[in-house]
Amino acid sequence: MSSANPTSVGDNKLNSHVVDAARNYSQVTQSRCVASIHSHSKEETQEEYRAVLTDLPERTIKHFSDPSQHMDSSVWDDFIYREGDIIIGAWAKTGTTWTSQILTQLVFKGVQPQANIHSIVPWLELQKGMAFGGEVLGYLDKLDHVRVIKTHLPLNAIPYSPKARYVYVARNGMDAALSKWNHHNSLVAAAREKFLVGPPVSFDVFWQGFCTSTGPYWDYFEHVNSWWKYRHVPNIYFLHFDDLKQDLPGSIRKLAAFCNLEVADEQTFQTIVDHCTFEYMKKHEDLFTPPVVPVGSFIHQGKTGRWATELSAEQKKEYDEVCKLKFPPDLVEWLNRPDEKRAVKTA
């Protein structure tokens, strides 16, 4: 089954109707937003886009301060967007690799590359060159297909372009912390030498750093907030990890439509779905494990809601209090509440 291309609207500009719709958070809004993106010609400039929809992301941080020294945001100074680029945004361990697999499967029409996913979908600002030796921009320049790139930077630390589609994948913070803690404790010695992350720690120690934003990694709460502020922008799409778990085929179809990636037929689509299941990715874990951890530790449990049984009552209360302090109410509801409420603000 082919994923339907949204119908173009307007005359190569966002009209006022679409702009108004883009500021709502409903399923109808998302489809209109996708349509408005496709109405832009390749020649349309970012300035023309901003003239109609003025509340767009601005790069206010050129040199992002990452306590773990993973990231060098200045690499974005030299990055040149192409029409159709797909940028995956995420904090860490919130579904980045899963979303990378989905989007590359859509780009390659169900063919599974035998290269590691982290070389196919580069982490652009990874400053230590763990996967590319610093040649990531040269690699990207040579690609002749739709480029999928990931970033773990907040939105205000990268340049924005109407040429690209941005997919921000998020996850309940308690689940994200548990998964990141497992990843932290699994790091190989070479990674600990390169990055300022410290030794393995208990979850209680990791949790305190996470909630107080004093841990070795970048701030989860500021990161999600930086993207959430611009959820109304037509070419920014919010994806929840739990939705991938509960309706993988439906989530893939929505991503395909948003990114304008056609699926030729139902058989191809089923192959894509099969290649994006936890079971497939676990079986072929060598294709999805980054060089900073041993194979067998990266594709961990693939569960959602672990926090319900693994966090103490005090830790759950602390998380709720931090969310109320640092997040707006609608973000708290979308990130942490039941699916029927979360669906109001996704495609």
C-alpha atoms as a PDB file:
ATOM      1  CA  MET A   1       0.000   0.000   0.000  1.00  0.00           C
ATOM      2  CA  SER A   2       1.467   3.329  -0.983  1.00  0.00           C
ATOM      3  CA  SER A   3       1.624   6.057   1.588  1.00  0.00           C
ATOM      4  CA  ALA A   4      -0.497   8.902   0.326  1.00  0.00           C
ATOM      5  CA  ASN A   5       1.247  12.108  -0.598  1.00  0.00           C
ATOM      6  CA  PRO A   6      -0.404  15.097   1.070  1.00  0.00           C
ATOM      7  CA  THR A   7      -2.075  17.448  -1.367  1.00  0.00           C
ATOM      8  CA  SER A   8      -0.238  20.716  -1.873  1.00  0.00           C
ATOM      9  CA  VAL A   9      -2.033  23.841  -0.790  1.00  0.00           C
ATOM     10  CA  GLY A  10      -1.543  27.471  -1.555  1.00  0.00           C
ATOM     11  CA  ASP A  11       0.640  28.971  -4.231  1.00  0.00           C
ATOM     12  CA  ASN A  12       4.087  27.951  -2.995  1.00  0.00           C
ATOM     13  CA  LYS A  13       3.543  29.919   0.203  1.00  0.00           C
ATOM     14  CA  LEU A  14       1.838  29.147   3.477  1.00  0.00           C
ATOM     15  CA  ASN A  15      -1.544  30.810   3.360  1.00  0.00           C
ATOM     16  CA  SER A  16      -3.195  32.196   6.461  1.00  0.00           C
ATOM     17  CA  HIS A  17      -5.536  29.220   6.784  1.00  0.00           C
ATOM     18  CA  VAL A  18      -2.628  26.803   7.043  1.00  0.00           C
ATOM     19  CA  VAL A  19      -0.747  29.095   9.413  1.00  0.00           C
ATOM     20  CA  ASP A  20      -3.748  29.164  11.721  1.00  0.00           C
ATOM     21  CA  ALA A  21      -4.104  25.419  11.481  1.00  0.00           C
ATOM     22  CA  ALA A  22      -0.434  24.941  12.216  1.00  0.00           C
ATOM     23  CA  ARG A  23      -0.935  26.460  15.618  1.00  0.00           C
ATOM     24  CA  ASN A  24      -3.510  23.878  16.657  1.00  0.00           C
ATOM     25  CA  TYR A  25      -2.529  20.497  18.048  1.00  0.00           C
ATOM     26  CA  SER A  26      -4.870  18.041  16.414  1.00  0.00           C
ATOM     27  CA  GLN A  27      -4.694  15.281  13.858  1.00  0.00           C
ATOM     28  CA  VAL A  28      -6.243  17.527  11.233  1.00  0.00           C
ATOM     29  CA  THR A  29      -3.610  20.152  11.963  1.00  0.00           C
ATOM     30  CA  GLN A  30      -0.746  17.748  11.353  1.00  0.00           C
ATOM     31  CA  SER A  31      -2.053  16.747   7.931  1.00  0.00           C
ATOM     32  CA  ARG A  32      -2.438  20.389   6.955  1.00  0.00           C
ATOM     33  CA  CYS A  33       1.047  21.120   8.210  1.00  0.00           C
ATOM     34  CA  VAL A  34       2.467  18.345   6.048  1.00  0.00           C
ATOM     35  CA  ALA A  35       0.556  19.684   3.062  1.00  0.00           C
ATOM     36  CA  SER A  36       1.927  23.168   3.615  1.00  0.00           C
ATOM     37  CA  ILE A  37       5.498  21.887   3.623  1.00  0.00           C
ATOM     38  CA  HIS A  38       5.034  20.181   0.265  1.00  0.00           C
ATOM     39  CA  SER A  39       3.679  23.412  -1.231  1.00  0.00           C
ATOM     40  CA  HIS A  40       7.110  25.056  -0.957  1.00  0.00           C
ATOM     41  CA  SER A  41       9.239  25.083  -4.090  1.00  0.00           C
ATOM     42  CA  LYS A  42      12.959  24.411  -3.874  1.00  0.00           C
ATOM     43  CA  GLU A  43      13.584  28.060  -4.737  1.00  0.00           C
ATOM     44  CA  GLU A  44      11.555  29.431  -1.864  1.00  0.00           C
ATOM     45  CA  THR A  45      13.851  31.083   0.635  1.00  0.00           C
ATOM     46  CA  GLN A  46      13.901  30.790   4.388  1.00  0.00           C
ATOM     47  CA  GLU A  47      13.206  34.521   4.589  1.00  0.00           C
ATOM     48  CA  GLU A  48       9.961  34.137   2.607  1.00  0.00           C
ATOM     49  CA  TYR A  49       8.937  31.272   4.863  1.00  0.00           C
ATOM     50  CA  ARG A  50       9.589  33.342   7.963  1.00  0.00           C
ATOM     51  CA  ALA A  51       7.606  36.251   6.534  1.00  0.00           C
ATOM     52  CA  VAL A  52       4.453  34.146   6.800  1.00  0.00           C
ATOM     53  CA  LEU A  53       5.124  31.983   9.861  1.00  0.00           C
ATOM     54  CA  THR A  54       7.267  34.204  12.039  1.00  0.00           C
ATOM     55  CA  ASP A  55       7.471  32.068  15.174  1.00  0.00           C
ATOM     56  CA  LEU A  56      10.203  29.754  13.913  1.00  0.00           C
ATOM     57  CA  PRO A  57      13.245  28.294  15.671  1.00  0.00           C
ATOM     58  CA  GLU A  58      16.284  30.515  16.043  1.00  0.00           C
ATOM     59  CA  ARG A  59      19.807  29.292  16.664  1.00  0.00           C
ATOM     60  CA  THR A  60      20.645  31.150  19.859  1.00  0.00           C
ATOM     61  CA  ILE A  61      23.413  28.759  20.999  1.00  0.00           C
ATOM     62  CA  LYS A  62      26.319  28.297  18.613  1.00  0.00           C
ATOM     63  CA  HIS A  63      28.606  26.612  21.117  1.00  0.00           C
ATOM     64  CA  PHE A  64      26.545  24.244  23.212  1.00  0.00           C
ATOM     65  CA  SER A  65      28.032  23.410  26.586  1.00  0.00           C
ATOM     66  CA  ASP A  66      27.929  19.625  26.947  1.00  0.00           C
ATOM     67  CA  PRO A  67      29.303  18.462  30.317  1.00  0.00           C
ATOM     68  CA  SER A  68      30.187  15.044  28.900  1.00  0.00           C
ATOM     69  CA  GLN A  69      32.000  16.641  25.943  1.00  0.00           C
ATOM     70  CA  HIS A  70      30.284  14.409  23.432  1.00  0.00           C
ATOM     71  CA  MET A  71      29.128  17.205  21.167  1.00  0.00           C
ATOM     72  CA  ASP A  72      30.664  20.030  19.182  1.00  0.00           C
ATOM     73  CA  SER A  73      27.767  22.108  17.918  1.00  0.00           C
ATOM     74  CA  SER A  74      30.038  24.260  15.746  1.00  0.00           C
ATOM     75  CA  VAL A  75      29.995  21.533  13.061  1.00  0.00           C
ATOM     76  CA  TRP A  76      26.541  22.825  12.157  1.00  0.00           C
ATOM     77  CA  ASP A  77      28.190  26.070  11.011  1.00  0.00           C
ATOM     78  CA  ASP A  78      29.392  24.226   7.903  1.00  0.00           C
ATOM     79  CA  PHE A  79      26.351  22.023   7.319  1.00  0.00           C
ATOM     80  CA  ILE A  80      24.386  22.862   4.164  1.00  0.00           C
ATOM     81  CA  TYR A  81      20.786  21.685   4.063  1.00  0.00           C
ATOM     82  CA  ARG A  82      19.326  19.954   1.030  1.00  0.00           C
ATOM     83  CA  GLU A  83      15.689  19.811   0.081  1.00  0.00           C
ATOM     84  CA  GLY A  84      14.151  16.759   1.779  1.00  0.00           C
ATOM     85  CA  ASP A  85      16.790  16.256   4.492  1.00  0.00           C
ATOM     86  CA  ILE A  86      15.404  14.454   7.532  1.00  0.00           C
ATOM     87  CA  ILE A  87      16.743  15.482  10.925  1.00  0.00           C
ATOM     88  CA  ILE A  88      16.038  13.202  13.892  1.00  0.00           C
ATOM     89  CA  GLY A  89      16.134  15.073  17.184  1.00  0.00           C
ATOM     90  CA  ALA A  90      16.200  13.315  20.547  1.00  0.00           C
ATOM     91  CA  TRP A  91      17.718  13.554  24.022  1.00  0.00           C
ATOM     92  CA  ALA A  92      19.311  10.102  24.449  1.00  0.00           C
ATOM     93  CA  LYS A  93      17.932   6.557  24.619  1.00  0.00           C
ATOM     94  CA  THR A  94      14.477   7.781  23.672  1.00  0.00           C
ATOM     95  CA  GLY A  95      14.111   5.918  20.370  1.00  0.00           C
ATOM     96  CA  THR A  96      16.747   7.568  18.167  1.00  0.00           C
ATOM     97  CA  THR A  97      18.141   4.348  16.696  1.00  0.00           C
ATOM     98  CA  TRP A  98      14.678   2.870  16.238  1.00  0.00           C
ATOM     99  CA  THR A  99      13.530   5.978  14.371  1.00  0.00           C
ATOM    100  CA  SER A 100      16.746   5.915  12.326  1.00  0.00           C
ATOM    101  CA  GLN A 101      15.979   2.351  11.251  1.00  0.00           C
ATOM    102  CA  ILE A 102      12.407   3.240  10.315  1.00  0.00           C
ATOM    103  CA  LEU A 103      13.410   6.214   8.206  1.00  0.00           C
ATOM    104  CA  THR A 104      16.296   4.470   6.447  1.00  0.00           C
ATOM    105  CA  GLN A 105      14.044   1.520   5.683  1.00  0.00           C
ATOM    106  CA  LEU A 106      11.602   3.954   4.077  1.00  0.00           C
ATOM    107  CA  VAL A 107      14.423   5.621   2.135  1.00  0.00           C
ATOM    108  CA  PHE A 108      15.861   2.267   0.947  1.00  0.00           C
ATOM    109  CA  LYS A 109      12.399   0.723   0.389  1.00  0.00           C
ATOM    110  CA  GLY A 110      12.850  -2.228   2.709  1.00  0.00           C
ATOM    111  CA  VAL A 111      16.410  -3.150   1.735  1.00  0.00           C
ATOM    112  CA  GLN A 112      18.553  -3.634   4.848  1.00  0.00           C
ATOM    113  CA  PRO A 113      22.037  -2.105   4.469  1.00  0.00           C
ATOM    114  CA  GLN A 114      24.785  -4.239   5.954  1.00  0.00           C
ATOM    115  CA  ALA A 115      26.578  -1.191   7.327  1.00  0.00           C
ATOM    116  CA  ASN A 116      26.073  -0.044  10.895  1.00  0.00           C
ATOM    117  CA  ILE A 117      23.093   2.294  11.305  1.00  0.00           C
ATOM    118  CA  HIS A 118      25.278   4.832  13.111  1.00  0.00           C
ATOM    119  CA  SER A 119      27.374   5.266   9.970  1.00  0.00           C
ATOM    120  CA  ILE A 120      24.310   5.504   7.729  1.00  0.00           C
ATOM    121  CA  VAL A 121      22.573   8.006  10.018  1.00  0.00           C
ATOM    122  CA  PRO A 122      25.442  10.014  11.496  1.00  0.00           C
ATOM    123  CA  TRP A 123      25.318  11.908  14.769  1.00  0.00           C
ATOM    124  CA  LEU A 124      26.453  15.132  13.181  1.00  0.00           C
ATOM    125  CA  GLU A 125      27.958  16.894  16.181  1.00  0.00           C
ATOM    126  CA  LEU A 126      29.712  13.883  17.733  1.00  0.00           C
ATOM    127  CA  GLN A 127      33.038  15.614  18.206  1.00  0.00           C
ATOM    128  CA  LYS A 128      35.301  12.705  19.063  1.00  0.00           C
ATOM    129  CA  GLY A 129      34.882  10.999  15.711  1.00  0.00           C
ATOM    130  CA  MET A 130      33.977   7.607  17.197  1.00  0.00           C
ATOM    131  CA  ALA A 131      32.299   6.491  13.971  1.00  0.00           C
ATOM    132  CA  PHE A 132      33.546   8.778  11.214  1.00  0.00           C
ATOM    133  CA  GLY A 133      36.937  10.156  12.139  1.00  0.00           C
ATOM    134  CA  GLY A 134      35.612  13.670  11.648  1.00  0.00           C
ATOM    135  CA  GLU A 135      34.649  13.138   7.999  1.00  0.00           C
ATOM    136  CA  VAL A 136      30.903  13.204   8.454  1.00  0.00           C
ATOM    137  CA  LEU A 137      30.289  16.335   6.363  1.00  0.00           C
ATOM    138  CA  GLY A 138      32.241  14.880   3.459  1.00  0.00           C
ATOM    139  CA  TYR A 139      30.272  11.662   3.753  1.00  0.00           C
ATOM    140  CA  LEU A 140      26.963  13.535   3.699  1.00  0.00           C
ATOM    141  CA  ASP A 141      27.985  15.604   0.674  1.00  0.00           C
ATOM    142  CA  LYS A 142      28.502  12.444  -1.371  1.00  0.00           C
ATOM    143  CA  LEU A 143      25.071  10.929  -0.712  1.00  0.00           C
ATOM    144  CA  ASP A 144      22.662  10.936  -3.643  1.00  0.00           C
ATOM    145  CA  HIS A 145      19.584   9.796  -1.711  1.00  0.00           C
ATOM    146  CA  VAL A 146      17.478  11.395   1.005  1.00  0.00           C
ATOM    147  CA  ARG A 147      19.793  12.095   3.916  1.00  0.00           C
ATOM    148  CA  VAL A 148      18.810  11.098   7.448  1.00  0.00           C
ATOM    149  CA  ILE A 149      20.853  12.796  10.164  1.00  0.00           C
ATOM    150  CA  LYS A 150      20.500  12.692  13.924  1.00  0.00           C
ATOM    151  CA  THR A 151      21.205  15.309  16.527  1.00  0.00           C
ATOM    152  CA  HIS A 152      21.164  15.207  20.306  1.00  0.00           C
ATOM    153  CA  LEU A 153      21.375  18.981  20.542  1.00  0.00           C
ATOM    154  CA  PRO A 154      18.554  21.211  21.742  1.00  0.00           C
ATOM    155  CA  LEU A 155      16.703  22.827  18.863  1.00  0.00           C
ATOM    156  CA  ASN A 156      18.146  26.281  19.573  1.00  0.00           C
ATOM    157  CA  ALA A 157      21.678  24.931  19.071  1.00  0.00           C
ATOM    158  CA  ILE A 158      21.204  23.937  15.411  1.00  0.00           C
ATOM    159  CA  PRO A 159      20.267  26.034  12.369  1.00  0.00           C
ATOM    160  CA  TYR A 160      16.683  25.639  11.229  1.00  0.00           C
ATOM    161  CA  SER A 161      15.650  25.250   7.580  1.00  0.00           C
ATOM    162  CA  PRO A 162      12.241  24.884   5.890  1.00  0.00           C
ATOM    163  CA  LYS A 163      13.935  22.520   3.415  1.00  0.00           C
ATOM    164  CA  ALA A 164      14.163  19.761   6.035  1.00  0.00           C
ATOM    165  CA  ARG A 165      11.724  17.594   7.962  1.00  0.00           C
ATOM    166  CA  TYR A 166      12.445  17.384  11.687  1.00  0.00           C
ATOM    167  CA  VAL A 167      11.297  14.318  13.627  1.00  0.00           C
ATOM    168  CA  TYR A 168      11.626  14.719  17.385  1.00  0.00           C
ATOM    169  CA  VAL A 169      11.296  11.430  19.263  1.00  0.00           C
ATOM    170  CA  ALA A 170      10.605  11.624  22.982  1.00  0.00           C
ATOM    171  CA  ARG A 171       9.973   9.247  25.834  1.00  0.00           C
ATOM    172  CA  ASN A 172       8.741   9.376  29.395  1.00  0.00           C
ATOM    173  CA  GLY A 173      11.701  10.781  31.315  1.00  0.00           C
ATOM    174  CA  MET A 174      11.735   7.973  33.862  1.00  0.00           C
ATOM    175  CA  ASP A 175      12.041   5.359  31.134  1.00  0.00           C
ATOM    176  CA  ALA A 176      14.658   7.482  29.367  1.00  0.00           C
ATOM    177  CA  ALA A 177      16.707   7.737  32.570  1.00  0.00           C
ATOM    178  CA  LEU A 178      16.597   3.983  33.140  1.00  0.00           C
ATOM    179  CA  SER A 179      17.715   3.268  29.593  1.00  0.00           C
ATOM    180  CA  LYS A 180      20.455   5.897  29.666  1.00  0.00           C
ATOM    181  CA  TRP A 181      21.711   4.551  32.986  1.00  0.00           C
ATOM    182  CA  ASN A 182      22.047   1.076  31.468  1.00  0.00           C
ATOM    183  CA  HIS A 183      23.887   2.593  28.499  1.00  0.00           C
ATOM    184  CA  HIS A 184      26.161   4.609  30.805  1.00  0.00           C
ATOM    185  CA  ASN A 185      27.172   1.526  32.788  1.00  0.00           C
ATOM    186  CA  SER A 186      27.819  -0.425  29.575  1.00  0.00           C
ATOM    187  CA  LEU A 187      30.319   2.015  28.045  1.00  0.00           C
ATOM    188  CA  VAL A 188      33.611   0.486  26.992  1.00  0.00           C
ATOM    189  CA  ALA A 189      36.870   1.766  28.501  1.00  0.00           C
ATOM    190  CA  ALA A 190      37.829   3.683  25.332  1.00  0.00           C
ATOM    191  CA  ALA A 191      34.587   5.652  25.498  1.00  0.00           C
ATOM    192  CA  ARG A 192      35.097   6.538  29.159  1.00  0.00           C
ATOM    193  CA  GLU A 193      38.549   7.836  28.268  1.00  0.00           C
ATOM    194  CA  LYS A 194      37.199  10.010  25.458  1.00  0.00           C
ATOM    195  CA  PHE A 195      34.119  11.391  27.203  1.00  0.00           C
ATOM    196  CA  LEU A 196      33.800  12.957  30.642  1.00  0.00           C
ATOM    197  CA  VAL A 197      31.078  10.649  31.946  1.00  0.00           C
ATOM    198  CA  GLY A 198      32.702   9.017  34.949  1.00  0.00           C
ATOM    199  CA  PRO A 199      32.578   5.397  36.130  1.00  0.00           C
ATOM    200  CA  PRO A 200      29.543   3.103  36.375  1.00  0.00           C
ATOM    201  CA  VAL A 201      27.190   4.197  39.158  1.00  0.00           C
ATOM    202  CA  SER A 202      24.088   2.994  40.968  1.00  0.00           C
ATOM    203  CA  PHE A 203      20.741   4.087  39.586  1.00  0.00           C
ATOM    204  CA  ASP A 204      20.112   6.212  42.674  1.00  0.00           C
ATOM    205  CA  VAL A 205      23.246   8.243  41.937  1.00  0.00           C
ATOM    206  CA  PHE A 206      22.416   8.516  38.238  1.00  0.00           C
ATOM    207  CA  TRP A 207      18.837   9.508  39.039  1.00  0.00           C
ATOM    208  CA  GLN A 208      19.871  12.405  41.237  1.00  0.00           C
ATOM    209  CA  GLY A 209      22.070  13.780  38.485  1.00  0.00           C
ATOM    210  CA  PHE A 210      19.236  13.366  35.990  1.00  0.00           C
ATOM    211  CA  CYS A 211      16.596  15.139  38.097  1.00  0.00           C
ATOM    212  CA  THR A 212      18.863  17.966  39.217  1.00  0.00           C
ATOM    213  CA  SER A 213      20.500  18.399  35.796  1.00  0.00           C
ATOM    214  CA  THR A 214      23.914  17.923  37.425  1.00  0.00           C
ATOM    215  CA  GLY A 215      24.767  14.549  35.896  1.00  0.00           C
ATOM    216  CA  PRO A 216      27.443  13.913  33.293  1.00  0.00           C
ATOM    217  CA  TYR A 217      25.015  14.334  30.379  1.00  0.00           C
ATOM    218  CA  TRP A 218      23.098  17.226  28.848  1.00  0.00           C
ATOM    219  CA  ASP A 219      19.870  18.408  30.489  1.00  0.00           C
ATOM    220  CA  TYR A 220      16.869  16.235  29.586  1.00  0.00           C
ATOM    221  CA  PHE A 221      14.279  18.809  30.617  1.00  0.00           C
ATOM    222  CA  GLU A 222      15.807  21.742  28.756  1.00  0.00           C
ATOM    223  CA  HIS A 223      16.280  19.527  25.703  1.00  0.00           C
ATOM    224  CA  VAL A 224      12.647  18.450  25.419  1.00  0.00           C
ATOM    225  CA  ASN A 225      11.451  21.992  26.156  1.00  0.00           C
ATOM    226  CA  SER A 226      13.600  23.469  23.380  1.00  0.00           C
ATOM    227  CA  TRP A 227      11.813  21.347  20.775  1.00  0.00           C
ATOM    228  CA  TRP A 228       8.336  21.430  22.316  1.00  0.00           C
ATOM    229  CA  LYS A 229       8.200  25.217  21.997  1.00  0.00           C
ATOM    230  CA  TYR A 230       8.082  24.794  18.228  1.00  0.00           C
ATOM    231  CA  ARG A 231       5.676  21.894  17.898  1.00  0.00           C
ATOM    232  CA  HIS A 232       3.376  24.180  15.888  1.00  0.00           C
ATOM    233  CA  VAL A 233       5.921  24.561  13.085  1.00  0.00           C
ATOM    234  CA  PRO A 234       4.697  22.566  10.044  1.00  0.00           C
ATOM    235  CA  ASN A 235       7.937  20.688   9.356  1.00  0.00           C
ATOM    236  CA  ILE A 236       8.501  19.587  12.969  1.00  0.00           C
ATOM    237  CA  TYR A 237       6.896  16.276  13.950  1.00  0.00           C
ATOM    238  CA  PHE A 238       6.623  14.933  17.494  1.00  0.00           C
ATOM    239  CA  LEU A 239       6.865  11.161  17.888  1.00  0.00           C
ATOM    240  CA  HIS A 240       6.396   9.312  21.181  1.00  0.00           C
ATOM    241  CA  PHE A 241       8.354   6.130  21.886  1.00  0.00           C
ATOM    242  CA  ASP A 242       5.225   4.505  23.306  1.00  0.00           C
ATOM    243  CA  ASP A 243       3.361   5.034  20.038  1.00  0.00           C
ATOM    244  CA  LEU A 244       6.051   3.067  18.208  1.00  0.00           C
ATOM    245  CA  LYS A 245       5.581   0.259  20.724  1.00  0.00           C
ATOM    246  CA  GLN A 246       1.809   0.208  20.485  1.00  0.00           C
ATOM    247  CA  ASP A 247       1.266   0.800  16.759  1.00  0.00           C
ATOM    248  CA  LEU A 248       4.445   0.344  14.771  1.00  0.00           C
ATOM    249  CA  PRO A 249       2.781   0.014  11.320  1.00  0.00           C
ATOM    250  CA  GLY A 250       0.600   3.077  11.907  1.00  0.00           C
ATOM    251  CA  SER A 251       3.540   5.109  13.174  1.00  0.00           C
ATOM    252  CA  ILE A 252       5.608   4.147  10.123  1.00  0.00           C
ATOM    253  CA  ARG A 253       2.828   5.200   7.743  1.00  0.00           C
ATOM    254  CA  LYS A 254       2.564   8.589   9.451  1.00  0.00           C
ATOM    255  CA  LEU A 255       6.307   9.123   9.291  1.00  0.00           C
ATOM    256  CA  ALA A 256       6.323   8.166   5.612  1.00  0.00           C
ATOM    257  CA  ALA A 257       3.605  10.690   4.844  1.00  0.00           C
ATOM    258  CA  PHE A 258       5.255  13.438   6.876  1.00  0.00           C
ATOM    259  CA  CYS A 259       8.662  12.892   5.232  1.00  0.00           C
ATOM    260  CA  ASN A 260       7.156  12.409   1.766  1.00  0.00           C
ATOM    261  CA  LEU A 261       8.661   8.933   1.450  1.00  0.00           C
ATOM    262  CA  GLU A 262       6.486   6.746  -0.744  1.00  0.00           C
ATOM    263  CA  VAL A 263       6.008   3.029  -0.124  1.00  0.00           C
ATOM    264  CA  ALA A 264       5.650   1.156  -3.395  1.00  0.00           C
ATOM    265  CA  ASP A 265       3.357  -1.671  -2.316  1.00  0.00           C
ATOM    266  CA  GLU A 266       1.989  -3.559   0.667  1.00  0.00           C
ATOM    267  CA  GLN A 267       4.622  -6.283   0.480  1.00  0.00           C
ATOM    268  CA  THR A 268       7.399  -3.709   0.682  1.00  0.00           C
ATOM    269  CA  PHE A 269       5.636  -2.012   3.561  1.00  0.00           C
ATOM    270  CA  GLN A 270       5.396  -5.285   5.490  1.00  0.00           C
ATOM    271  CA  THR A 271       9.121  -5.887   4.924  1.00  0.00           C
ATOM    272  CA  ILE A 272       9.834  -2.445   6.329  1.00  0.00           C
ATOM    273  CA  VAL A 273       7.684  -3.157   9.395  1.00  0.00           C
ATOM    274  CA  ASP A 274       9.399  -6.520   9.926  1.00  0.00           C
ATOM    275  CA  HIS A 275      12.838  -4.885   9.746  1.00  0.00           C
ATOM    276  CA  CYS A 276      11.813  -2.336  12.382  1.00  0.00           C
ATOM    277  CA  THR A 277      10.595  -4.735  15.057  1.00  0.00           C
ATOM    278  CA  PHE A 278      12.464  -5.170  18.318  1.00  0.00           C
ATOM    279  CA  GLU A 279      12.968  -8.857  17.504  1.00  0.00           C
ATOM    280  CA  TYR A 280      14.651  -8.115  14.157  1.00  0.00           C
ATOM    281  CA  MET A 281      16.877  -5.398  15.551  1.00  0.00           C
ATOM    282  CA  LYS A 282      17.861  -7.546  18.533  1.00  0.00           C
ATOM    283  CA  LYS A 283      18.714 -10.464  16.238  1.00  0.00           C
ATOM    284  CA  HIS A 284      20.907  -8.196  14.083  1.00  0.00           C
ATOM    285  CA  GLU A 285      22.229  -6.114  16.947  1.00  0.00           C
ATOM    286  CA  ASP A 286      25.659  -5.732  15.374  1.00  0.00           C
ATOM    287  CA  LEU A 287      24.035  -3.482  12.761  1.00  0.00           C
ATOM    288  CA  PHE A 288      22.608  -1.151  15.418  1.00  0.00           C
ATOM    289  CA  THR A 289      25.221  -1.036  18.188  1.00  0.00           C
ATOM    290  CA  PRO A 290      27.501   2.027  18.307  1.00  0.00           C
ATOM    291  CA  PRO A 291      31.220   1.493  18.947  1.00  0.00           C
ATOM    292  CA  VAL A 292      30.989   2.880  22.499  1.00  0.00           C
ATOM    293  CA  VAL A 293      29.279  -0.207  23.965  1.00  0.00           C
ATOM    294  CA  PRO A 294      29.642  -3.966  23.419  1.00  0.00           C
ATOM    295  CA  VAL A 295      27.197  -5.783  21.162  1.00  0.00           C
ATOM    296  CA  GLY A 296      24.464  -7.221  23.323  1.00  0.00           C
ATOM    297  CA  SER A 297      24.041  -4.218  25.604  1.00  0.00           C
ATOM    298  CA  PHE A 298      22.616  -1.549  23.285  1.00  0.00           C
ATOM    299  CA  ILE A 299      19.318  -3.100  22.176  1.00  0.00           C
ATOM    300  CA  HIS A 300      18.411  -3.742  25.782  1.00  0.00           C
ATOM    301  CA  GLN A 301      14.816  -4.534  26.718  1.00  0.00           C
ATOM    302  CA  GLY A 302      12.806  -2.339  24.369  1.00  0.00           C
ATOM    303  CA  LYS A 303      10.131  -1.919  27.015  1.00  0.00           C
ATOM    304  CA  THR A 304       7.989   1.018  27.977  1.00  0.00           C
ATOM    305  CA  GLY A 305       6.741   1.733  31.482  1.00  0.00           C
ATOM    306  CA  ARG A 306       9.682   0.122  33.300  1.00  0.00           C
ATOM    307  CA  TRP A 307       9.625   3.052  35.687  1.00  0.00           C
ATOM    308  CA  ALA A 308       6.369   1.771  37.231  1.00  0.00           C
ATOM    309  CA  THR A 309       8.146  -1.180  38.843  1.00  0.00           C
ATOM    310  CA  GLU A 310      11.785  -0.039  38.994  1.00  0.00           C
ATOM    311  CA  LEU A 311      11.493   3.423  40.532  1.00  0.00           C
ATOM    312  CA  SER A 312      10.622   4.027  44.161  1.00  0.00           C
ATOM    313  CA  ALA A 313       7.582   6.032  45.180  1.00  0.00           C
ATOM    314  CA  GLU A 314       9.919   8.864  46.220  1.00  0.00           C
ATOM    315  CA  GLN A 315      11.642   8.880  42.836  1.00  0.00           C
ATOM    316  CA  LYS A 316       8.319   8.968  40.976  1.00  0.00           C
ATOM    317  CA  LYS A 317       7.179  11.860  43.138  1.00  0.00           C
ATOM    318  CA  GLU A 318      10.439  13.707  42.521  1.00  0.00           C
ATOM    319  CA  TYR A 319      10.039  13.274  38.770  1.00  0.00           C
ATOM    320  CA  ASP A 320       6.469  14.583  38.862  1.00  0.00           C
ATOM    321  CA  GLU A 321       7.589  17.626  40.823  1.00  0.00           C
ATOM    322  CA  VAL A 322      10.461  18.389  38.444  1.00  0.00           C
ATOM    323  CA  CYS A 323       8.144  18.017  35.436  1.00  0.00           C
ATOM    324  CA  LYS A 324       5.653  20.466  36.944  1.00  0.00           C
ATOM    325  CA  LEU A 325       8.477  22.898  37.625  1.00  0.00           C
ATOM    326  CA  LYS A 326      10.243  22.676  34.256  1.00  0.00           C
ATOM    327  CA  PHE A 327       7.573  21.642  31.726  1.00  0.00           C
ATOM    328  CA  PRO A 328       4.366  23.365  30.620  1.00  0.00           C
ATOM    329  CA  PRO A 329       1.207  21.373  31.485  1.00  0.00           C
ATOM    330  CA  ASP A 330       0.503  20.289  27.899  1.00  0.00           C
ATOM    331  CA  LEU A 331       3.986  18.793  27.596  1.00  0.00           C
ATOM    332  CA  VAL A 332       3.599  16.928  30.896  1.00  0.00           C
ATOM    333  CA  GLU A 333       0.312  15.503  29.611  1.00  0.00           C
ATOM    334  CA  TRP A 334       1.709  14.463  26.230  1.00  0.00           C
ATOM    335  CA  LEU A 335       4.917  12.985  27.623  1.00  0.00           C
ATOM    336  CA  ASN A 336       3.593  11.142  30.670  1.00  0.00           C
ATOM    337  CA  ARG A 337      -0.141  10.577  30.309  1.00  0.00           C
ATOM    338  CA  PRO A 338      -2.225   7.798  28.675  1.00  0.00           C
ATOM    339  CA  ASP A 339      -2.217   7.326  24.927  1.00  0.00           C
ATOM    340  CA  GLU A 340      -5.708   8.663  24.270  1.00  0.00           C
ATOM    341  CA  LYS A 341      -4.573  12.052  25.591  1.00  0.00           C
ATOM    342  CA  ARG A 342      -1.180  11.923  23.932  1.00  0.00           C
ATOM    343  CA  ALA A 343      -2.770  11.265  20.535  1.00  0.00           C
ATOM    344  CA  VAL A 344      -4.371  14.709  20.552  1.00  0.00           C
ATOM    345  CA  LYS A 345      -1.023  16.301  19.827  1.00  0.00           C
ATOM    346  CA  THR A 346       0.548  13.866  17.393  1.00  0.00           C
ATOM    347  CA  ALA A 347      -0.179  13.109  13.772  1.00  0.00           C
END
